[in-house]
């Protein structure tokens, strides 16, 4: 099997990168989308002793703050940080 790398030119005026920080939970890959598109909600991360609640948006150049609404078009790049509650 032969694998090939595919490169795309990133232009922050038309592309957004969403970086997922699972805060100690299982890995969640980043997403790259065109500005104005919606994201695909990833599989919730698993963190021992905790229950995942939602992804919290940390704005970089996006007009977003708080829990992510997956139906709202992306306006720019941001970090999606996992929010958990501790199991009793």
PDB file of N, CA and C in Angstrom:
ATOM      1  N   UNK A   1       0.852  -1.181   0.000  1.00  0.00           N
ATOM      2  CA  UNK A   1       0.000   0.000   0.000  1.00  0.00           C
ATOM      3  C   UNK A   1       0.899   1.246   0.000  1.00  0.00           C
ATOM      4  N   UNK A   2       0.535   2.199  -0.801  1.00  0.00           N
ATOM      5  CA  UNK A   2       1.259   3.465  -0.866  1.00  0.00           C
ATOM      6  C   UNK A   2       0.345   4.570  -0.360  1.00  0.00           C
ATOM      7  N   UNK A   3       0.853   5.349   0.577  1.00  0.00           N
ATOM      8  CA  UNK A   3       0.089   6.482   1.116  1.00  0.00           C
ATOM      9  C   UNK A   3       0.684   7.776   0.605  1.00  0.00           C
ATOM     10  N   UNK A   4      -0.167   8.747   0.301  1.00  0.00           N
ATOM     11  CA  UNK A   4       0.268  10.041  -0.176  1.00  0.00           C
ATOM     12  C   UNK A   4      -0.267  11.133   0.744  1.00  0.00           C
ATOM     13  N   UNK A   5       0.548  12.123   0.973  1.00  0.00           N
ATOM     14  CA  UNK A   5       0.102  13.274   1.772  1.00  0.00           C
ATOM     15  C   UNK A   5      -0.671  14.219   0.866  1.00  0.00           C
ATOM     16  N   UNK A   6      -1.707  14.819   1.413  1.00  0.00           N
ATOM     17  CA  UNK A   6      -2.474  15.822   0.682  1.00  0.00           C
ATOM     18  C   UNK A   6      -2.348  17.134   1.439  1.00  0.00           C
ATOM     19  N   UNK A   7      -1.887  18.151   0.778  1.00  0.00           N
ATOM     20  CA  UNK A   7      -1.695  19.457   1.398  1.00  0.00           C
ATOM     21  C   UNK A   7      -2.737  20.429   0.869  1.00  0.00           C
ATOM     22  N   UNK A   8      -3.231  21.261   1.760  1.00  0.00           N
ATOM     23  CA  UNK A   8      -4.154  22.317   1.372  1.00  0.00           C
ATOM     24  C   UNK A   8      -3.606  23.641   1.882  1.00  0.00           C
ATOM     25  N   UNK A   9      -3.838  24.673   1.141  1.00  0.00           N
ATOM     26  CA  UNK A   9      -3.407  25.995   1.568  1.00  0.00           C
ATOM     27  C   UNK A   9      -4.436  26.540   2.546  1.00  0.00           C
ATOM     28  N   UNK A  10      -3.970  26.895   3.731  1.00  0.00           N
ATOM     29  CA  UNK A  10      -4.849  27.452   4.749  1.00  0.00           C
ATOM     30  C   UNK A  10      -4.915  28.952   4.579  1.00  0.00           C
ATOM     31  N   UNK A  11      -6.108  29.469   4.422  1.00  0.00           N
ATOM     32  CA  UNK A  11      -6.333  30.904   4.289  1.00  0.00           C
ATOM     33  C   UNK A  11      -7.324  31.302   5.382  1.00  0.00           C
ATOM     34  N   UNK A  12      -6.880  32.025   6.423  1.00  0.00           N
ATOM     35  CA  UNK A  12      -7.774  32.360   7.545  1.00  0.00           C
ATOM     36  C   UNK A  12      -8.962  33.228   7.164  1.00  0.00           C
ATOM     37  N   UNK A  13      -8.958  33.786   5.954  1.00  0.00           N
ATOM     38  CA  UNK A  13     -10.116  34.578   5.524  1.00  0.00           C
ATOM     39  C   UNK A  13     -11.264  33.694   5.047  1.00  0.00           C
ATOM     40  N   UNK A  14     -10.957  32.445   4.666  1.00  0.00           N
ATOM     41  CA  UNK A  14     -12.003  31.550   4.172  1.00  0.00           C
ATOM     42  C   UNK A  14     -12.058  30.212   4.914  1.00  0.00           C
ATOM     43  N   UNK A  15     -10.995  29.873   5.650  1.00  0.00           N
ATOM     44  CA  UNK A  15     -10.937  28.603   6.374  1.00  0.00           C
ATOM     45  C   UNK A  15     -10.938  28.842   7.881  1.00  0.00           C
ATOM     46  N   UNK A  16     -11.461  27.866   8.600  1.00  0.00           N
ATOM     47  CA  UNK A  16     -11.408  27.892  10.065  1.00  0.00           C
ATOM     48  C   UNK A  16     -10.866  26.545  10.529  1.00  0.00           C
ATOM     49  N   UNK A  17     -10.083  26.589  11.590  1.00  0.00           N
ATOM     50  CA  UNK A  17      -9.618  25.357  12.218  1.00  0.00           C
ATOM     51  C   UNK A  17     -10.215  25.316  13.621  1.00  0.00           C
ATOM     52  N   UNK A  18     -10.786  24.164  13.953  1.00  0.00           N
ATOM     53  CA  UNK A  18     -11.346  23.969  15.277  1.00  0.00           C
ATOM     54  C   UNK A  18     -10.478  22.921  15.955  1.00  0.00           C
ATOM     55  N   UNK A  19      -9.794  23.348  17.011  1.00  0.00           N
ATOM     56  CA  UNK A  19      -8.872  22.473  17.731  1.00  0.00           C
ATOM     57  C   UNK A  19      -9.584  21.957  18.976  1.00  0.00           C
ATOM     58  N   UNK A  20      -9.648  20.648  19.125  1.00  0.00           N
ATOM     59  CA  UNK A  20     -10.346  20.034  20.243  1.00  0.00           C
ATOM     60  C   UNK A  20      -9.370  19.702  21.368  1.00  0.00           C
ATOM     61  N   UNK A  21      -9.663  20.213  22.564  1.00  0.00           N
ATOM     62  CA  UNK A  21      -8.891  19.925  23.763  1.00  0.00           C
ATOM     63  C   UNK A  21      -9.780  19.080  24.660  1.00  0.00           C
ATOM     64  N   UNK A  22      -9.467  17.783  24.744  1.00  0.00           N
ATOM     65  CA  UNK A  22     -10.311  16.859  25.502  1.00  0.00           C
ATOM     66  C   UNK A  22     -10.041  16.902  27.005  1.00  0.00           C
ATOM     67  N   UNK A  23      -9.139  17.766  27.456  1.00  0.00           N
ATOM     68  CA  UNK A  23      -8.881  17.937  28.898  1.00  0.00           C
ATOM     69  C   UNK A  23      -8.671  16.608  29.625  1.00  0.00           C
ATOM     70  N   UNK A  24      -7.784  15.786  29.105  1.00  0.00           N
ATOM     71  CA  UNK A  24      -7.491  14.511  29.747  1.00  0.00           C
ATOM     72  C   UNK A  24      -8.368  13.369  29.287  1.00  0.00           C
ATOM     73  N   UNK A  25      -9.316  13.653  28.411  1.00  0.00           N
ATOM     74  CA  UNK A  25     -10.176  12.599  27.852  1.00  0.00           C
ATOM     75  C   UNK A  25      -9.546  12.026  26.591  1.00  0.00           C
ATOM     76  N   UNK A  26     -10.260  11.136  25.945  1.00  0.00           N
ATOM     77  CA  UNK A  26      -9.762  10.505  24.729  1.00  0.00           C
ATOM     78  C   UNK A  26      -9.583  11.533  23.612  1.00  0.00           C
ATOM     79  N   UNK A  27      -8.642  11.242  22.721  1.00  0.00           N
ATOM     80  CA  UNK A  27      -8.276  12.150  21.636  1.00  0.00           C
ATOM     81  C   UNK A  27      -9.456  12.462  20.722  1.00  0.00           C
ATOM     82  N   UNK A  28      -9.574  13.722  20.334  1.00  0.00           N
ATOM     83  CA  UNK A  28     -10.565  14.168  19.351  1.00  0.00           C
ATOM     84  C   UNK A  28      -9.820  14.951  18.284  1.00  0.00           C
ATOM     85  N   UNK A  29      -9.889  14.514  17.011  1.00  0.00           N
ATOM     86  CA  UNK A  29      -9.139  15.203  15.955  1.00  0.00           C
ATOM     87  C   UNK A  29      -9.694  16.594  15.652  1.00  0.00           C
ATOM     88  N   UNK A  30      -8.799  17.474  15.202  1.00  0.00           N
ATOM     89  CA  UNK A  30      -9.196  18.820  14.787  1.00  0.00           C
ATOM     90  C   UNK A  30     -10.086  18.738  13.557  1.00  0.00           C
ATOM     91  N   UNK A  31     -10.859  19.797  13.334  1.00  0.00           N
ATOM     92  CA  UNK A  31     -11.686  19.898  12.126  1.00  0.00           C
ATOM     93  C   UNK A  31     -11.304  21.157  11.370  1.00  0.00           C
ATOM     94  N   UNK A  32     -11.273  21.054  10.053  1.00  0.00           N
ATOM     95  CA  UNK A  32     -10.999  22.177   9.171  1.00  0.00           C
ATOM     96  C   UNK A  32     -12.225  22.373   8.294  1.00  0.00           C
ATOM     97  N   UNK A  33     -12.791  23.584   8.316  1.00  0.00           N
ATOM     98  CA  UNK A  33     -14.001  23.859   7.544  1.00  0.00           C
ATOM     99  C   UNK A  33     -13.884  25.230   6.880  1.00  0.00           C
ATOM    100  N   UNK A  34     -14.732  25.438   5.887  1.00  0.00           N
ATOM    101  CA  UNK A  34     -14.853  26.765   5.296  1.00  0.00           C
ATOM    102  C   UNK A  34     -15.698  27.620   6.237  1.00  0.00           C
ATOM    103  N   UNK A  35     -15.337  28.874   6.374  1.00  0.00           N
ATOM    104  CA  UNK A  35     -16.140  29.793   7.181  1.00  0.00           C
ATOM    105  C   UNK A  35     -17.541  29.845   6.577  1.00  0.00           C
ATOM    106  N   UNK A  36     -18.545  29.746   7.428  1.00  0.00           N
ATOM    107  CA  UNK A  36     -19.935  29.723   6.983  1.00  0.00           C
ATOM    108  C   UNK A  36     -20.528  28.325   6.961  1.00  0.00           C
ATOM    109  N   UNK A  37     -19.677  27.301   7.063  1.00  0.00           N
ATOM    110  CA  UNK A  37     -20.173  25.930   7.139  1.00  0.00           C
ATOM    111  C   UNK A  37     -20.404  25.555   8.602  1.00  0.00           C
ATOM    112  N   UNK A  38     -21.129  24.465   8.825  1.00  0.00           N
ATOM    113  CA  UNK A  38     -21.324  23.963  10.186  1.00  0.00           C
ATOM    114  C   UNK A  38     -20.352  22.813  10.436  1.00  0.00           C
ATOM    115  N   UNK A  39     -20.120  22.540  11.705  1.00  0.00           N
ATOM    116  CA  UNK A  39     -19.221  21.461  12.110  1.00  0.00           C
ATOM    117  C   UNK A  39     -19.973  20.160  12.278  1.00  0.00           C
ATOM    118  N   UNK A  40     -19.212  19.066  12.244  1.00  0.00           N
ATOM    119  CA  UNK A  40     -19.757  17.762  12.610  1.00  0.00           C
ATOM    120  C   UNK A  40     -19.463  17.567  14.091  1.00  0.00           C
ATOM    121  N   UNK A  41     -20.493  17.276  14.874  1.00  0.00           N
ATOM    122  CA  UNK A  41     -20.266  17.062  16.304  1.00  0.00           C
ATOM    123  C   UNK A  41     -19.460  15.787  16.493  1.00  0.00           C
ATOM    124  N   UNK A  42     -18.301  15.869  17.157  1.00  0.00           N
ATOM    125  CA  UNK A  42     -17.478  14.668  17.329  1.00  0.00           C
ATOM    126  C   UNK A  42     -18.036  13.735  18.405  1.00  0.00           C
ATOM    127  N   UNK A  43     -17.535  12.523  18.398  1.00  0.00           N
ATOM    128  CA  UNK A  43     -17.872  11.566  19.452  1.00  0.00           C
ATOM    129  C   UNK A  43     -17.401  12.140  20.784  1.00  0.00           C
ATOM    130  N   UNK A  44     -18.231  12.117  21.810  1.00  0.00           N
ATOM    131  CA  UNK A  44     -17.811  12.672  23.104  1.00  0.00           C
ATOM    132  C   UNK A  44     -16.571  11.944  23.640  1.00  0.00           C
ATOM    133  N   UNK A  45     -15.625  12.684  24.208  1.00  0.00           N
ATOM    134  CA  UNK A  45     -14.442  12.050  24.778  1.00  0.00           C
ATOM    135  C   UNK A  45     -14.798  11.300  26.066  1.00  0.00           C
ATOM    136  N   UNK A  46     -13.968  10.349  26.401  1.00  0.00           N
ATOM    137  CA  UNK A  46     -14.162   9.568  27.621  1.00  0.00           C
ATOM    138  C   UNK A  46     -13.028   9.906  28.582  1.00  0.00           C
ATOM    139  N   UNK A  47     -13.395  10.220  29.814  1.00  0.00           N
ATOM    140  CA  UNK A  47     -12.418  10.530  30.852  1.00  0.00           C
ATOM    141  C   UNK A  47     -12.826   9.765  32.105  1.00  0.00           C
ATOM    142  N   UNK A  48     -11.928   8.916  32.589  1.00  0.00           N
ATOM    143  CA  UNK A  48     -12.249   8.071  33.731  1.00  0.00           C
ATOM    144  C   UNK A  48     -12.641   8.907  34.945  1.00  0.00           C
ATOM    145  N   UNK A  49     -13.781   8.542  35.555  1.00  0.00           N
ATOM    146  CA  UNK A  49     -14.262   9.223  36.749  1.00  0.00           C
ATOM    147  C   UNK A  49     -15.094  10.463  36.461  1.00  0.00           C
ATOM    148  N   UNK A  50     -15.331  10.751  35.180  1.00  0.00           N
ATOM    149  CA  UNK A  50     -16.066  11.960  34.795  1.00  0.00           C
ATOM    150  C   UNK A  50     -17.113  11.632  33.738  1.00  0.00           C
ATOM    151  N   UNK A  51     -18.110  12.491  33.640  1.00  0.00           N
ATOM    152  CA  UNK A  51     -19.113  12.416  32.586  1.00  0.00           C
ATOM    153  C   UNK A  51     -18.981  13.655  31.716  1.00  0.00           C
ATOM    154  N   UNK A  52     -18.847  13.440  30.416  1.00  0.00           N
ATOM    155  CA  UNK A  52     -18.765  14.553  29.468  1.00  0.00           C
ATOM    156  C   UNK A  52     -20.106  15.279  29.415  1.00  0.00           C
ATOM    157  N   UNK A  53     -20.061  16.630  29.400  1.00  0.00           N
ATOM    158  CA  UNK A  53     -21.287  17.428  29.367  1.00  0.00           C
ATOM    159  C   UNK A  53     -21.434  18.128  28.011  1.00  0.00           C
ATOM    160  N   UNK A  54     -20.419  18.900  27.607  1.00  0.00           N
ATOM    161  CA  UNK A  54     -20.476  19.604  26.324  1.00  0.00           C
ATOM    162  C   UNK A  54     -19.086  20.095  25.942  1.00  0.00           C
ATOM    163  N   UNK A  55     -18.987  20.579  24.711  1.00  0.00           N
ATOM    164  CA  UNK A  55     -17.781  21.259  24.247  1.00  0.00           C
ATOM    165  C   UNK A  55     -17.960  22.749  24.467  1.00  0.00           C
ATOM    166  N   UNK A  56     -17.003  23.376  25.124  1.00  0.00           N
ATOM    167  CA  UNK A  56     -17.003  24.815  25.431  1.00  0.00           C
ATOM    168  C   UNK A  56     -16.110  25.518  24.413  1.00  0.00           C
ATOM    169  N   UNK A  57     -16.604  26.556  23.759  1.00  0.00           N
ATOM    170  CA  UNK A  57     -15.823  27.297  22.772  1.00  0.00           C
ATOM    171  C   UNK A  57     -14.936  28.335  23.447  1.00  0.00           C
ATOM    172  N   UNK A  58     -13.663  28.335  23.073  1.00  0.00           N
ATOM    173  CA  UNK A  58     -12.706  29.344  23.509  1.00  0.00           C
ATOM    174  C   UNK A  58     -12.347  30.133  22.247  1.00  0.00           C
ATOM    175  N   UNK A  59     -12.817  31.370  22.096  1.00  0.00           N
ATOM    176  CA  UNK A  59     -12.631  32.101  20.845  1.00  0.00           C
ATOM    177  C   UNK A  59     -11.168  32.428  20.545  1.00  0.00           C
ATOM    178  N   UNK A  60     -10.804  32.303  19.288  1.00  0.00           N
ATOM    179  CA  UNK A  60      -9.521  32.800  18.787  1.00  0.00           C
ATOM    180  C   UNK A  60      -9.850  33.989  17.899  1.00  0.00           C
ATOM    181  N   UNK A  61     -10.454  33.711  16.743  1.00  0.00           N
ATOM    182  CA  UNK A  61     -10.928  34.805  15.898  1.00  0.00           C
ATOM    183  C   UNK A  61     -12.390  34.606  15.508  1.00  0.00           C
ATOM    184  N   UNK A  62     -13.067  33.718  16.223  1.00  0.00           N
ATOM    185  CA  UNK A  62     -14.481  33.445  15.953  1.00  0.00           C
ATOM    186  C   UNK A  62     -15.358  34.270  16.897  1.00  0.00           C
ATOM    187  N   UNK A  63     -16.563  34.533  16.445  1.00  0.00           N
ATOM    188  CA  UNK A  63     -17.536  35.249  17.264  1.00  0.00           C
ATOM    189  C   UNK A  63     -18.379  34.205  17.999  1.00  0.00           C
ATOM    190  N   UNK A  64     -17.748  33.518  18.947  1.00  0.00           N
ATOM    191  CA  UNK A  64     -18.422  32.438  19.664  1.00  0.00           C
ATOM    192  C   UNK A  64     -17.851  32.362  21.070  1.00  0.00           C
ATOM    193  N   UNK A  65     -18.696  32.044  22.022  1.00  0.00           N
ATOM    194  CA  UNK A  65     -18.260  31.860  23.395  1.00  0.00           C
ATOM    195  C   UNK A  65     -19.326  31.030  24.093  1.00  0.00           C
ATOM    196  N   UNK A  66     -18.921  30.062  24.869  1.00  0.00           N
ATOM    197  CA  UNK A  66     -19.871  29.216  25.585  1.00  0.00           C
ATOM    198  C   UNK A  66     -20.041  27.875  24.910  1.00  0.00           C
ATOM    199  N   UNK A  67     -21.045  27.092  25.344  1.00  0.00           N
ATOM    200  CA  UNK A  67     -21.285  25.778  24.741  1.00  0.00           C
ATOM    201  C   UNK A  67     -21.518  25.900  23.236  1.00  0.00           C
ATOM    202  N   UNK A  68     -20.992  24.947  22.499  1.00  0.00           N
ATOM    203  CA  UNK A  68     -21.066  25.007  21.034  1.00  0.00           C
ATOM    204  C   UNK A  68     -22.434  24.559  20.545  1.00  0.00           C
ATOM    205  N   UNK A  69     -23.034  25.362  19.680  1.00  0.00           N
ATOM    206  CA  UNK A  69     -24.266  25.002  18.980  1.00  0.00           C
ATOM    207  C   UNK A  69     -23.823  24.483  17.615  1.00  0.00           C
ATOM    208  N   UNK A  70     -23.952  23.187  17.393  1.00  0.00           N
ATOM    209  CA  UNK A  70     -23.442  22.538  16.175  1.00  0.00           C
ATOM    210  C   UNK A  70     -24.227  22.923  14.928  1.00  0.00           C
ATOM    211  N   UNK A  71     -25.343  23.636  15.080  1.00  0.00           N
ATOM    212  CA  UNK A  71     -26.158  24.054  13.934  1.00  0.00           C
ATOM    213  C   UNK A  71     -25.830  25.461  13.448  1.00  0.00           C
ATOM    214  N   UNK A  72     -24.955  26.170  14.177  1.00  0.00           N
ATOM    215  CA  UNK A  72     -24.600  27.544  13.818  1.00  0.00           C
ATOM    216  C   UNK A  72     -23.362  27.529  12.923  1.00  0.00           C
ATOM    217  N   UNK A  73     -23.387  28.243  11.792  1.00  0.00           N
ATOM    218  CA  UNK A  73     -22.220  28.279  10.917  1.00  0.00           C
ATOM    219  C   UNK A  73     -20.994  28.867  11.623  1.00  0.00           C
ATOM    220  N   UNK A  74     -19.841  28.332  11.295  1.00  0.00           N
ATOM    221  CA  UNK A  74     -18.564  28.759  11.880  1.00  0.00           C
ATOM    222  C   UNK A  74     -18.181  30.133  11.332  1.00  0.00           C
ATOM    223  N   UNK A  75     -17.745  31.038  12.232  1.00  0.00           N
ATOM    224  CA  UNK A  75     -17.342  32.381  11.807  1.00  0.00           C
ATOM    225  C   UNK A  75     -15.825  32.576  11.872  1.00  0.00           C
ATOM    226  N   UNK A  76     -15.099  31.592  12.402  1.00  0.00           N
ATOM    227  CA  UNK A  76     -13.643  31.688  12.500  1.00  0.00           C
ATOM    228  C   UNK A  76     -13.109  30.558  13.357  1.00  0.00           C
ATOM    229  N   UNK A  77     -11.811  30.534  13.537  1.00  0.00           N
ATOM    230  CA  UNK A  77     -11.152  29.466  14.291  1.00  0.00           C
ATOM    231  C   UNK A  77     -11.394  29.605  15.793  1.00  0.00           C
ATOM    232  N   UNK A  78     -11.442  28.468  16.484  1.00  0.00           N
ATOM    233  CA  UNK A  78     -11.571  28.490  17.936  1.00  0.00           C
ATOM    234  C   UNK A  78     -11.104  27.155  18.508  1.00  0.00           C
ATOM    235  N   UNK A  79     -10.946  27.132  19.813  1.00  0.00           N
ATOM    236  CA  UNK A  79     -10.616  25.910  20.531  1.00  0.00           C
ATOM    237  C   UNK A  79     -11.903  25.399  21.166  1.00  0.00           C
ATOM    238  N   UNK A  80     -12.172  24.112  20.994  1.00  0.00           N
ATOM    239  CA  UNK A  80     -13.317  23.469  21.637  1.00  0.00           C
ATOM    240  C   UNK A  80     -12.766  22.667  22.807  1.00  0.00           C
ATOM    241  N   UNK A  81     -13.129  23.074  24.010  1.00  0.00           N
ATOM    242  CA  UNK A  81     -12.595  22.447  25.211  1.00  0.00           C
ATOM    243  C   UNK A  81     -13.682  21.608  25.876  1.00  0.00           C
ATOM    244  N   UNK A  82     -13.341  20.358  26.216  1.00  0.00           N
ATOM    245  CA  UNK A  82     -14.310  19.463  26.833  1.00  0.00           C
ATOM    246  C   UNK A  82     -14.641  19.922  28.250  1.00  0.00           C
ATOM    247  N   UNK A  83     -15.919  19.892  28.574  1.00  0.00           N
ATOM    248  CA  UNK A  83     -16.387  20.221  29.918  1.00  0.00           C
ATOM    249  C   UNK A  83     -17.003  18.959  30.515  1.00  0.00           C
ATOM    250  N   UNK A  84     -16.567  18.590  31.700  1.00  0.00           N
ATOM    251  CA  UNK A  84     -17.020  17.379  32.371  1.00  0.00           C
ATOM    252  C   UNK A  84     -17.578  17.708  33.755  1.00  0.00           C
ATOM    253  N   UNK A  85     -18.341  16.760  34.285  1.00  0.00           N
ATOM    254  CA  UNK A  85     -18.678  16.786  35.709  1.00  0.00           C
ATOM    255  C   UNK A  85     -18.105  15.504  36.322  1.00  0.00           C
ATOM    256  N   UNK A  86     -17.655  15.625  37.573  1.00  0.00           N
ATOM    257  CA  UNK A  86     -17.065  14.475  38.277  1.00  0.00           C
ATOM    258  C   UNK A  86     -18.190  13.522  38.681  1.00  0.00           C
ATOM    259  N   UNK A  87     -17.964  12.241  38.456  1.00  0.00           N
ATOM    260  CA  UNK A  87     -18.941  11.230  38.879  1.00  0.00           C
ATOM    261  C   UNK A  87     -18.952  11.123  40.395  1.00  0.00           C
ATOM    262  N   UNK A  88     -20.115  10.918  40.959  1.00  0.00           N
ATOM    263  CA  UNK A  88     -20.264  10.787  42.422  1.00  0.00           C
ATOM    264  C   UNK A  88     -19.849   9.401  42.867  1.00  0.00           C
TER     265      UNK A  88
END
